[in-house]
Amino acid sequence: QDLSLRELAGKLKLPVKYISYLINHYHNKNFRNYINQRRVNEVISKMKKGEHKNKTLLALALESGFNSKSSFNLIFKKQTGKSPSQYFKD
Protein backbone atom coordinates (compact mmCIF):
# COMPACT_ATOMS: atom_id res chain seq x y z
CA GLN A 1 0.00 0.00 0.00
CA ASP A 2 2.65 2.47 0.99
CA LEU A 3 5.43 1.35 -1.33
CA SER A 4 7.59 4.28 -2.33
CA LEU A 5 10.16 4.61 -5.05
CA ARG A 6 12.84 5.05 -2.39
CA GLU A 7 11.77 1.83 -0.62
CA LEU A 8 11.77 -0.13 -3.87
CA ALA A 9 15.22 1.18 -4.78
CA GLY A 10 16.48 0.21 -1.34
CA LYS A 11 15.11 -3.32 -1.62
CA LEU A 12 16.63 -3.72 -5.07
CA LYS A 13 19.87 -2.04 -3.97
CA LEU A 14 19.72 0.32 -6.95
CA PRO A 15 19.71 4.11 -7.15
CA VAL A 16 16.30 5.81 -7.05
CA LYS A 17 17.02 7.67 -10.29
CA TYR A 18 17.82 4.41 -12.08
CA ILE A 19 14.56 2.73 -10.99
CA SER A 20 12.66 5.84 -12.05
CA TYR A 21 14.45 5.86 -15.41
CA LEU A 22 13.64 2.19 -16.04
CA ILE A 23 9.95 2.63 -15.28
CA ASN A 24 9.72 5.78 -17.38
CA HIS A 25 11.70 4.31 -20.26
CA TYR A 26 10.08 0.87 -20.47
CA HIS A 27 6.55 1.66 -19.31
CA ASN A 28 6.23 5.33 -20.28
CA LYS A 29 4.80 6.10 -16.82
CA ASN A 30 5.97 7.57 -13.58
CA PHE A 31 6.38 5.29 -10.56
CA ARG A 32 2.99 6.09 -9.00
CA ASN A 33 1.06 5.50 -12.25
CA TYR A 34 2.97 2.28 -12.86
CA ILE A 35 2.13 0.96 -9.39
CA ASN A 36 -1.52 1.93 -9.79
CA GLN A 37 -1.68 0.14 -13.13
CA ARG A 38 -0.28 -2.97 -11.49
CA ARG A 39 -2.88 -2.70 -8.73
CA VAL A 40 -5.75 -2.38 -11.22
CA ASN A 41 -4.41 -5.37 -13.15
CA GLU A 42 -4.24 -7.34 -9.90
CA VAL A 43 -7.92 -6.64 -9.14
CA ILE A 44 -8.92 -7.61 -12.68
CA SER A 45 -6.92 -10.83 -12.40
CA LYS A 46 -8.54 -11.71 -9.06
CA MET A 47 -11.99 -11.06 -10.50
CA LYS A 48 -11.28 -13.30 -13.50
CA LYS A 49 -10.07 -16.06 -11.17
CA GLY A 50 -13.39 -15.91 -9.34
CA GLU A 51 -12.04 -14.54 -6.07
CA HIS A 52 -14.94 -12.07 -5.99
CA LYS A 53 -17.27 -14.92 -5.07
CA ASN A 54 -15.82 -14.99 -1.56
CA LYS A 55 -14.86 -11.32 -1.23
CA THR A 56 -16.25 -7.98 -2.22
CA LEU A 57 -14.72 -5.93 -4.98
CA LEU A 58 -13.63 -3.42 -2.33
CA ALA A 59 -11.88 -6.17 -0.37
CA LEU A 60 -9.99 -7.20 -3.51
CA ALA A 61 -9.05 -3.57 -4.15
CA LEU A 62 -7.74 -3.11 -0.61
CA GLU A 63 -5.77 -6.38 -0.86
CA SER A 64 -4.23 -5.09 -4.07
CA GLY A 65 -2.90 -1.96 -2.38
CA PHE A 66 -5.58 0.69 -2.75
CA ASN A 67 -6.20 2.85 0.31
CA SER A 68 -9.89 3.56 -0.19
CA LYS A 69 -12.93 2.88 -2.34
CA SER A 70 -12.84 6.38 -3.82
CA SER A 71 -9.18 6.14 -4.88
CA PHE A 72 -9.79 2.67 -6.32
CA ASN A 73 -12.81 3.83 -8.35
CA LEU A 74 -11.01 6.94 -9.62
CA ILE A 75 -7.81 5.13 -10.61
CA PHE A 76 -9.66 2.13 -12.07
CA LYS A 77 -11.72 4.40 -14.33
CA LYS A 78 -8.63 6.39 -15.33
CA GLN A 79 -6.82 3.16 -16.29
CA THR A 80 -9.67 1.32 -18.03
CA GLY A 81 -12.06 4.05 -19.13
CA LYS A 82 -14.88 2.42 -17.13
CA SER A 83 -15.94 2.27 -13.52
CA PRO A 84 -15.27 -1.09 -11.85
CA SER A 85 -18.97 -2.00 -11.94
CA GLN A 86 -19.24 -1.11 -15.65
CA TYR A 87 -16.05 -3.00 -16.45
CA PHE A 88 -17.18 -6.22 -14.79
CA LYS A 89 -20.69 -6.09 -16.23
CA ASP A 90 -19.28 -6.33 -19.77
C-alpha atoms as a PDB file:
ATOM      1  CA  GLN A   1       0.000   0.000   0.000  1.00  0.00           C
ATOM      2  CA  ASP A   2       2.648   2.474   0.989  1.00  0.00           C
ATOM      3  CA  LEU A   3       5.430   1.354  -1.329  1.00  0.00           C
ATOM      4  CA  SER A   4       7.586   4.283  -2.330  1.00  0.00           C
ATOM      5  CA  LEU A   5      10.162   4.611  -5.051  1.00  0.00           C
ATOM      6  CA  ARG A   6      12.836   5.049  -2.389  1.00  0.00           C
ATOM      7  CA  GLU A   7      11.775   1.828  -0.623  1.00  0.00           C
ATOM      8  CA  LEU A   8      11.775  -0.126  -3.869  1.00  0.00           C
ATOM      9  CA  ALA A   9      15.216   1.182  -4.784  1.00  0.00           C
ATOM     10  CA  GLY A  10      16.483   0.211  -1.341  1.00  0.00           C
ATOM     11  CA  LYS A  11      15.110  -3.317  -1.617  1.00  0.00           C
ATOM     12  CA  LEU A  12      16.627  -3.721  -5.067  1.00  0.00           C
ATOM     13  CA  LYS A  13      19.869  -2.036  -3.974  1.00  0.00           C
ATOM     14  CA  LEU A  14      19.716   0.318  -6.953  1.00  0.00           C
ATOM     15  CA  PRO A  15      19.707   4.114  -7.155  1.00  0.00           C
ATOM     16  CA  VAL A  16      16.297   5.809  -7.047  1.00  0.00           C
ATOM     17  CA  LYS A  17      17.020   7.668 -10.288  1.00  0.00           C
ATOM     18  CA  TYR A  18      17.821   4.410 -12.076  1.00  0.00           C
ATOM     19  CA  ILE A  19      14.564   2.735 -10.992  1.00  0.00           C
ATOM     20  CA  SER A  20      12.657   5.844 -12.049  1.00  0.00           C
ATOM     21  CA  TYR A  21      14.447   5.865 -15.408  1.00  0.00           C
ATOM     22  CA  LEU A  22      13.641   2.189 -16.037  1.00  0.00           C
ATOM     23  CA  ILE A  23       9.951   2.626 -15.279  1.00  0.00           C
ATOM     24  CA  ASN A  24       9.716   5.779 -17.382  1.00  0.00           C
ATOM     25  CA  HIS A  25      11.698   4.314 -20.262  1.00  0.00           C
ATOM     26  CA  TYR A  26      10.082   0.875 -20.474  1.00  0.00           C
ATOM     27  CA  HIS A  27       6.548   1.663 -19.311  1.00  0.00           C
ATOM     28  CA  ASN A  28       6.226   5.329 -20.278  1.00  0.00           C
ATOM     29  CA  LYS A  29       4.800   6.102 -16.824  1.00  0.00           C
ATOM     30  CA  ASN A  30       5.973   7.571 -13.582  1.00  0.00           C
ATOM     31  CA  PHE A  31       6.381   5.294 -10.563  1.00  0.00           C
ATOM     32  CA  ARG A  32       2.987   6.089  -9.000  1.00  0.00           C
ATOM     33  CA  ASN A  33       1.055   5.502 -12.248  1.00  0.00           C
ATOM     34  CA  TYR A  34       2.970   2.285 -12.862  1.00  0.00           C
ATOM     35  CA  ILE A  35       2.132   0.964  -9.385  1.00  0.00           C
ATOM     36  CA  ASN A  36      -1.517   1.931  -9.785  1.00  0.00           C
ATOM     37  CA  GLN A  37      -1.676   0.142 -13.134  1.00  0.00           C
ATOM     38  CA  ARG A  38      -0.276  -2.975 -11.490  1.00  0.00           C
ATOM     39  CA  ARG A  39      -2.876  -2.702  -8.729  1.00  0.00           C
ATOM     40  CA  VAL A  40      -5.750  -2.385 -11.222  1.00  0.00           C
ATOM     41  CA  ASN A  41      -4.406  -5.374 -13.151  1.00  0.00           C
ATOM     42  CA  GLU A  42      -4.244  -7.344  -9.895  1.00  0.00           C
ATOM     43  CA  VAL A  43      -7.916  -6.637  -9.140  1.00  0.00           C
ATOM     44  CA  ILE A  44      -8.920  -7.607 -12.679  1.00  0.00           C
ATOM     45  CA  SER A  45      -6.922 -10.826 -12.399  1.00  0.00           C
ATOM     46  CA  LYS A  46      -8.538 -11.711  -9.064  1.00  0.00           C
ATOM     47  CA  MET A  47     -11.985 -11.058 -10.501  1.00  0.00           C
ATOM     48  CA  LYS A  48     -11.284 -13.300 -13.499  1.00  0.00           C
ATOM     49  CA  LYS A  49     -10.069 -16.058 -11.166  1.00  0.00           C
ATOM     50  CA  GLY A  50     -13.394 -15.907  -9.336  1.00  0.00           C
ATOM     51  CA  GLU A  51     -12.043 -14.536  -6.072  1.00  0.00           C
ATOM     52  CA  HIS A  52     -14.937 -12.068  -5.987  1.00  0.00           C
ATOM     53  CA  LYS A  53     -17.271 -14.917  -5.067  1.00  0.00           C
ATOM     54  CA  ASN A  54     -15.818 -14.992  -1.561  1.00  0.00           C
ATOM     55  CA  LYS A  55     -14.857 -11.324  -1.233  1.00  0.00           C
ATOM     56  CA  THR A  56     -16.253  -7.976  -2.220  1.00  0.00           C
ATOM     57  CA  LEU A  57     -14.716  -5.933  -4.976  1.00  0.00           C
ATOM     58  CA  LEU A  58     -13.632  -3.425  -2.330  1.00  0.00           C
ATOM     59  CA  ALA A  59     -11.876  -6.166  -0.369  1.00  0.00           C
ATOM     60  CA  LEU A  60      -9.986  -7.203  -3.506  1.00  0.00           C
ATOM     61  CA  ALA A  61      -9.049  -3.572  -4.152  1.00  0.00           C
ATOM     62  CA  LEU A  62      -7.741  -3.115  -0.613  1.00  0.00           C
ATOM     63  CA  GLU A  63      -5.770  -6.378  -0.855  1.00  0.00           C
ATOM     64  CA  SER A  64      -4.230  -5.087  -4.074  1.00  0.00           C
ATOM     65  CA  GLY A  65      -2.897  -1.964  -2.381  1.00  0.00           C
ATOM     66  CA  PHE A  66      -5.583   0.687  -2.748  1.00  0.00           C
ATOM     67  CA  ASN A  67      -6.201   2.853   0.310  1.00  0.00           C
ATOM     68  CA  SER A  68      -9.895   3.563  -0.189  1.00  0.00           C
ATOM     69  CA  LYS A  69     -12.927   2.876  -2.337  1.00  0.00           C
ATOM     70  CA  SER A  70     -12.840   6.376  -3.818  1.00  0.00           C
ATOM     71  CA  SER A  71      -9.183   6.140  -4.881  1.00  0.00           C
ATOM     72  CA  PHE A  72      -9.790   2.666  -6.317  1.00  0.00           C
ATOM     73  CA  ASN A  73     -12.806   3.829  -8.345  1.00  0.00           C
ATOM     74  CA  LEU A  74     -11.005   6.940  -9.615  1.00  0.00           C
ATOM     75  CA  ILE A  75      -7.809   5.133 -10.605  1.00  0.00           C
ATOM     76  CA  PHE A  76      -9.661   2.133 -12.071  1.00  0.00           C
ATOM     77  CA  LYS A  77     -11.720   4.402 -14.326  1.00  0.00           C
ATOM     78  CA  LYS A  78      -8.634   6.390 -15.331  1.00  0.00           C
ATOM     79  CA  GLN A  79      -6.820   3.162 -16.288  1.00  0.00           C
ATOM     80  CA  THR A  80      -9.669   1.315 -18.031  1.00  0.00           C
ATOM     81  CA  GLY A  81     -12.064   4.048 -19.131  1.00  0.00           C
ATOM     82  CA  LYS A  82     -14.875   2.417 -17.134  1.00  0.00           C
ATOM     83  CA  SER A  83     -15.945   2.271 -13.516  1.00  0.00           C
ATOM     84  CA  PRO A  84     -15.266  -1.089 -11.850  1.00  0.00           C
ATOM     85  CA  SER A  85     -18.966  -2.004 -11.937  1.00  0.00           C
ATOM     86  CA  GLN A  86     -19.238  -1.110 -15.649  1.00  0.00           C
ATOM     87  CA  TYR A  87     -16.052  -3.003 -16.450  1.00  0.00           C
ATOM     88  CA  PHE A  88     -17.177  -6.223 -14.795  1.00  0.00           C
ATOM     89  CA  LYS A  89     -20.695  -6.092 -16.232  1.00  0.00           C
ATOM     90  CA  ASP A  90     -19.278  -6.328 -19.771  1.00  0.00           C
END
